[in-house]
Amino acid sequence: KDIKTADYSVYPRYEWTQGPCRADGSCPPGEQRLDGYEVSQTISVKVRDTNAAGALLSGVGSRGASEVSGLSFTIDDEDALRAEARSMAIEEAREKAEELAGELGVDLVRVVGFYEDSYGYPTPYAYGRGGVAMDMAANETKAVAPSLPAGENKINSNVNVTYEIR
């Protein structure tokens, strides 16, 4: 379940040949000939142990990969974390509303409106001179696993809760 084909493409590869030119300087049209096919396969690999990610990346070139790109750090169960963030935001809104109601000398009756604004991850950034693929090519002879600082993914939930008061 952690290794899957994301794209598979086959493209014809042509060779262009030009015949010899005539004595009068005119040249016959060239000829396009099918030379073969080029196949491209993109495989998505999910690595659950971030400590092993560097070793995995340093070994893919020896297994036939010609390009490595699109490295990203994600969360397996994002929905559960979003629900937890929303619950925390609702609780914080309720506490603030109760505090404000106490200061105003009113009581909260019920919720009459709710709005949530959620957003997820920061934008990933390329690492090194030219991204992971170029760094791997430059360091291939060293056979050292790249260091991959994972950082953090932050999930925010902003809620607006409107209460009826008395």
Protein backbone atom coordinates (compact mmCIF):
# COMPACT_ATOMS: atom_id res chain seq x y z
CA LYS A 1 0.00 0.00 0.00
CA ASP A 2 2.99 2.34 0.37
CA ILE A 3 4.41 1.84 -3.16
CA LYS A 4 2.22 2.63 -6.15
CA THR A 5 2.49 3.72 -9.77
CA ALA A 6 1.43 7.34 -10.11
CA ASP A 7 2.02 7.64 -13.87
CA TYR A 8 3.06 5.40 -16.77
CA SER A 9 3.72 6.87 -20.22
CA VAL A 10 5.05 5.53 -23.53
CA TYR A 11 6.35 7.94 -26.18
CA PRO A 12 7.59 7.11 -29.71
CA ARG A 13 11.18 8.14 -30.42
CA TYR A 14 11.99 9.15 -33.99
CA GLU A 15 15.22 9.54 -35.92
CA TRP A 16 15.43 12.13 -38.67
CA THR A 17 17.59 11.29 -41.69
CA GLN A 18 18.49 13.68 -44.47
CA GLY A 19 19.51 12.28 -47.85
CA PRO A 20 22.46 13.68 -49.82
CA CYS A 21 21.93 16.94 -51.65
CA ARG A 22 21.93 17.03 -55.47
CA ALA A 23 24.56 18.67 -57.62
CA ASP A 24 22.25 21.63 -58.31
CA GLY A 25 22.18 22.41 -54.57
CA SER A 26 18.65 21.18 -53.88
CA CYS A 27 18.15 18.68 -51.13
CA PRO A 28 15.41 16.08 -51.04
CA PRO A 29 13.09 16.12 -48.03
CA GLY A 30 14.31 14.26 -44.99
CA GLU A 31 12.72 11.13 -43.63
CA GLN A 32 11.40 10.45 -40.18
CA ARG A 33 11.91 6.87 -38.99
CA LEU A 34 10.61 5.26 -35.81
CA ASP A 35 13.66 4.44 -33.72
CA GLY A 36 11.93 2.97 -30.69
CA TYR A 37 9.90 3.95 -27.68
CA GLU A 38 10.67 5.77 -24.48
CA VAL A 39 8.90 4.63 -21.34
CA SER A 40 8.49 6.74 -18.24
CA GLN A 41 7.10 5.42 -14.97
CA THR A 42 6.52 7.52 -11.89
CA ILE A 43 6.34 5.61 -8.64
CA SER A 44 5.12 7.07 -5.38
CA VAL A 45 6.75 5.66 -2.25
CA LYS A 46 5.54 6.45 1.25
CA VAL A 47 8.24 6.14 3.89
CA ARG A 48 6.78 6.06 7.38
CA ASP A 49 10.13 6.21 9.20
CA THR A 50 11.62 9.65 8.47
CA ASN A 51 14.96 8.46 9.88
CA ALA A 52 15.16 5.93 7.02
CA ALA A 53 14.19 8.40 4.26
CA GLY A 54 17.75 9.61 3.62
CA ALA A 55 19.10 6.08 3.20
CA LEU A 56 16.24 5.23 0.85
CA LEU A 57 16.91 8.29 -1.32
CA SER A 58 20.63 7.59 -1.53
CA GLY A 59 19.92 4.06 -2.80
CA VAL A 60 17.32 4.67 -5.51
CA GLY A 61 19.89 5.65 -8.15
CA SER A 62 21.57 2.26 -7.93
CA ARG A 63 18.18 0.65 -8.58
CA GLY A 64 17.61 2.37 -11.92
CA ALA A 65 15.86 5.61 -10.97
CA SER A 66 16.98 8.45 -13.22
CA GLU A 67 15.10 11.22 -11.40
CA VAL A 68 13.90 11.76 -7.85
CA SER A 69 11.51 14.59 -7.10
CA GLY A 70 8.40 15.62 -5.24
CA LEU A 71 9.63 14.83 -1.75
CA SER A 72 6.99 15.83 0.79
CA PHE A 73 6.22 15.17 4.40
CA THR A 74 2.58 14.39 5.14
CA ILE A 75 0.37 13.09 7.92
CA ASP A 76 -1.33 9.69 7.71
CA ASP A 77 -4.59 10.56 9.46
CA GLU A 78 -5.04 14.25 8.73
CA ASP A 79 -8.81 14.13 9.35
CA ALA A 80 -8.34 13.01 12.95
CA LEU A 81 -5.87 15.83 13.61
CA ARG A 82 -8.18 18.38 11.97
CA ALA A 83 -11.05 17.17 14.18
CA GLU A 84 -8.83 17.47 17.26
CA ALA A 85 -7.76 21.01 16.26
CA ARG A 86 -11.41 21.98 15.68
CA SER A 87 -12.45 20.59 19.09
CA MET A 88 -9.69 22.56 20.77
CA ALA A 89 -10.70 25.74 18.90
CA ILE A 90 -14.38 25.30 19.86
CA GLU A 91 -13.45 24.76 23.51
CA GLU A 92 -11.24 27.86 23.49
CA ALA A 93 -14.05 29.91 21.87
CA ARG A 94 -16.52 28.67 24.53
CA GLU A 95 -14.13 29.59 27.36
CA LYS A 96 -13.60 33.07 25.93
CA ALA A 97 -17.36 33.54 25.45
CA GLU A 98 -18.05 32.48 29.05
CA GLU A 99 -15.37 34.86 30.32
CA LEU A 100 -16.76 37.73 28.28
CA ALA A 101 -20.36 36.91 29.31
CA GLY A 102 -19.27 37.04 32.96
CA GLU A 103 -17.65 40.43 32.45
CA LEU A 104 -20.81 41.72 30.73
CA GLY A 105 -23.17 40.22 33.31
CA VAL A 106 -25.09 38.08 30.79
CA ASP A 107 -25.65 34.37 30.34
CA LEU A 108 -24.89 32.24 27.29
CA VAL A 109 -28.08 30.54 26.11
CA ARG A 110 -27.20 28.55 23.00
CA VAL A 111 -25.07 28.55 19.86
CA VAL A 112 -26.83 30.36 17.00
CA GLY A 113 -23.99 30.47 14.47
CA PHE A 114 -20.80 28.61 13.63
CA TYR A 115 -18.11 29.05 10.98
CA GLU A 116 -14.82 27.19 10.60
CA ASP A 117 -11.80 28.22 8.56
CA SER A 118 -9.22 25.42 8.36
CA TYR A 119 -5.98 25.28 6.51
CA GLY A 120 -3.10 22.81 6.56
CA TYR A 121 0.55 22.63 5.72
CA PRO A 122 3.20 25.21 5.05
CA THR A 123 4.53 25.19 1.48
CA PRO A 124 7.36 22.65 1.11
CA TYR A 125 10.75 24.02 0.13
CA ALA A 126 13.51 22.62 -2.10
CA TYR A 127 16.64 21.60 -0.29
CA GLY A 128 20.20 22.21 -1.35
CA ARG A 129 21.33 23.62 -4.69
CA GLY A 130 18.79 22.14 -7.07
CA GLY A 131 16.42 19.97 -5.10
CA VAL A 132 16.89 16.38 -4.02
CA ALA A 133 17.51 14.95 -7.51
CA MET A 134 20.41 17.30 -8.28
CA ASP A 135 21.94 16.91 -4.83
CA MET A 136 21.82 13.13 -5.16
CA ALA A 137 23.52 13.23 -8.56
CA ALA A 138 26.24 15.53 -7.22
CA ASN A 139 26.82 13.33 -4.17
CA GLU A 140 26.40 9.94 -5.84
CA THR A 141 30.10 9.10 -5.60
CA LYS A 142 30.16 9.84 -1.86
CA ALA A 143 27.35 7.34 -1.10
CA VAL A 144 26.29 9.34 1.94
CA ALA A 145 22.62 9.39 2.88
CA PRO A 146 21.25 12.93 2.62
CA SER A 147 20.08 14.66 5.75
CA LEU A 148 16.34 15.37 5.54
CA PRO A 149 15.16 17.80 8.19
CA ALA A 150 11.47 16.94 8.53
CA GLY A 151 10.41 20.08 10.39
CA GLU A 152 6.75 20.08 11.30
CA ASN A 153 3.35 20.18 9.70
CA LYS A 154 0.90 22.46 11.40
CA ILE A 155 -2.85 22.06 11.26
CA ASN A 156 -4.90 25.11 12.25
CA SER A 157 -8.60 25.47 12.87
CA ASN A 158 -10.12 28.91 13.33
CA VAL A 159 -13.72 28.97 14.46
CA ASN A 160 -16.27 31.73 14.91
CA VAL A 161 -19.05 30.79 17.30
CA THR A 162 -22.03 33.09 17.81
CA TYR A 163 -23.99 32.68 21.05
CA GLU A 164 -27.43 33.88 22.05
CA ILE A 165 -27.15 35.75 25.33
CA ARG A 166 -29.61 36.85 28.04
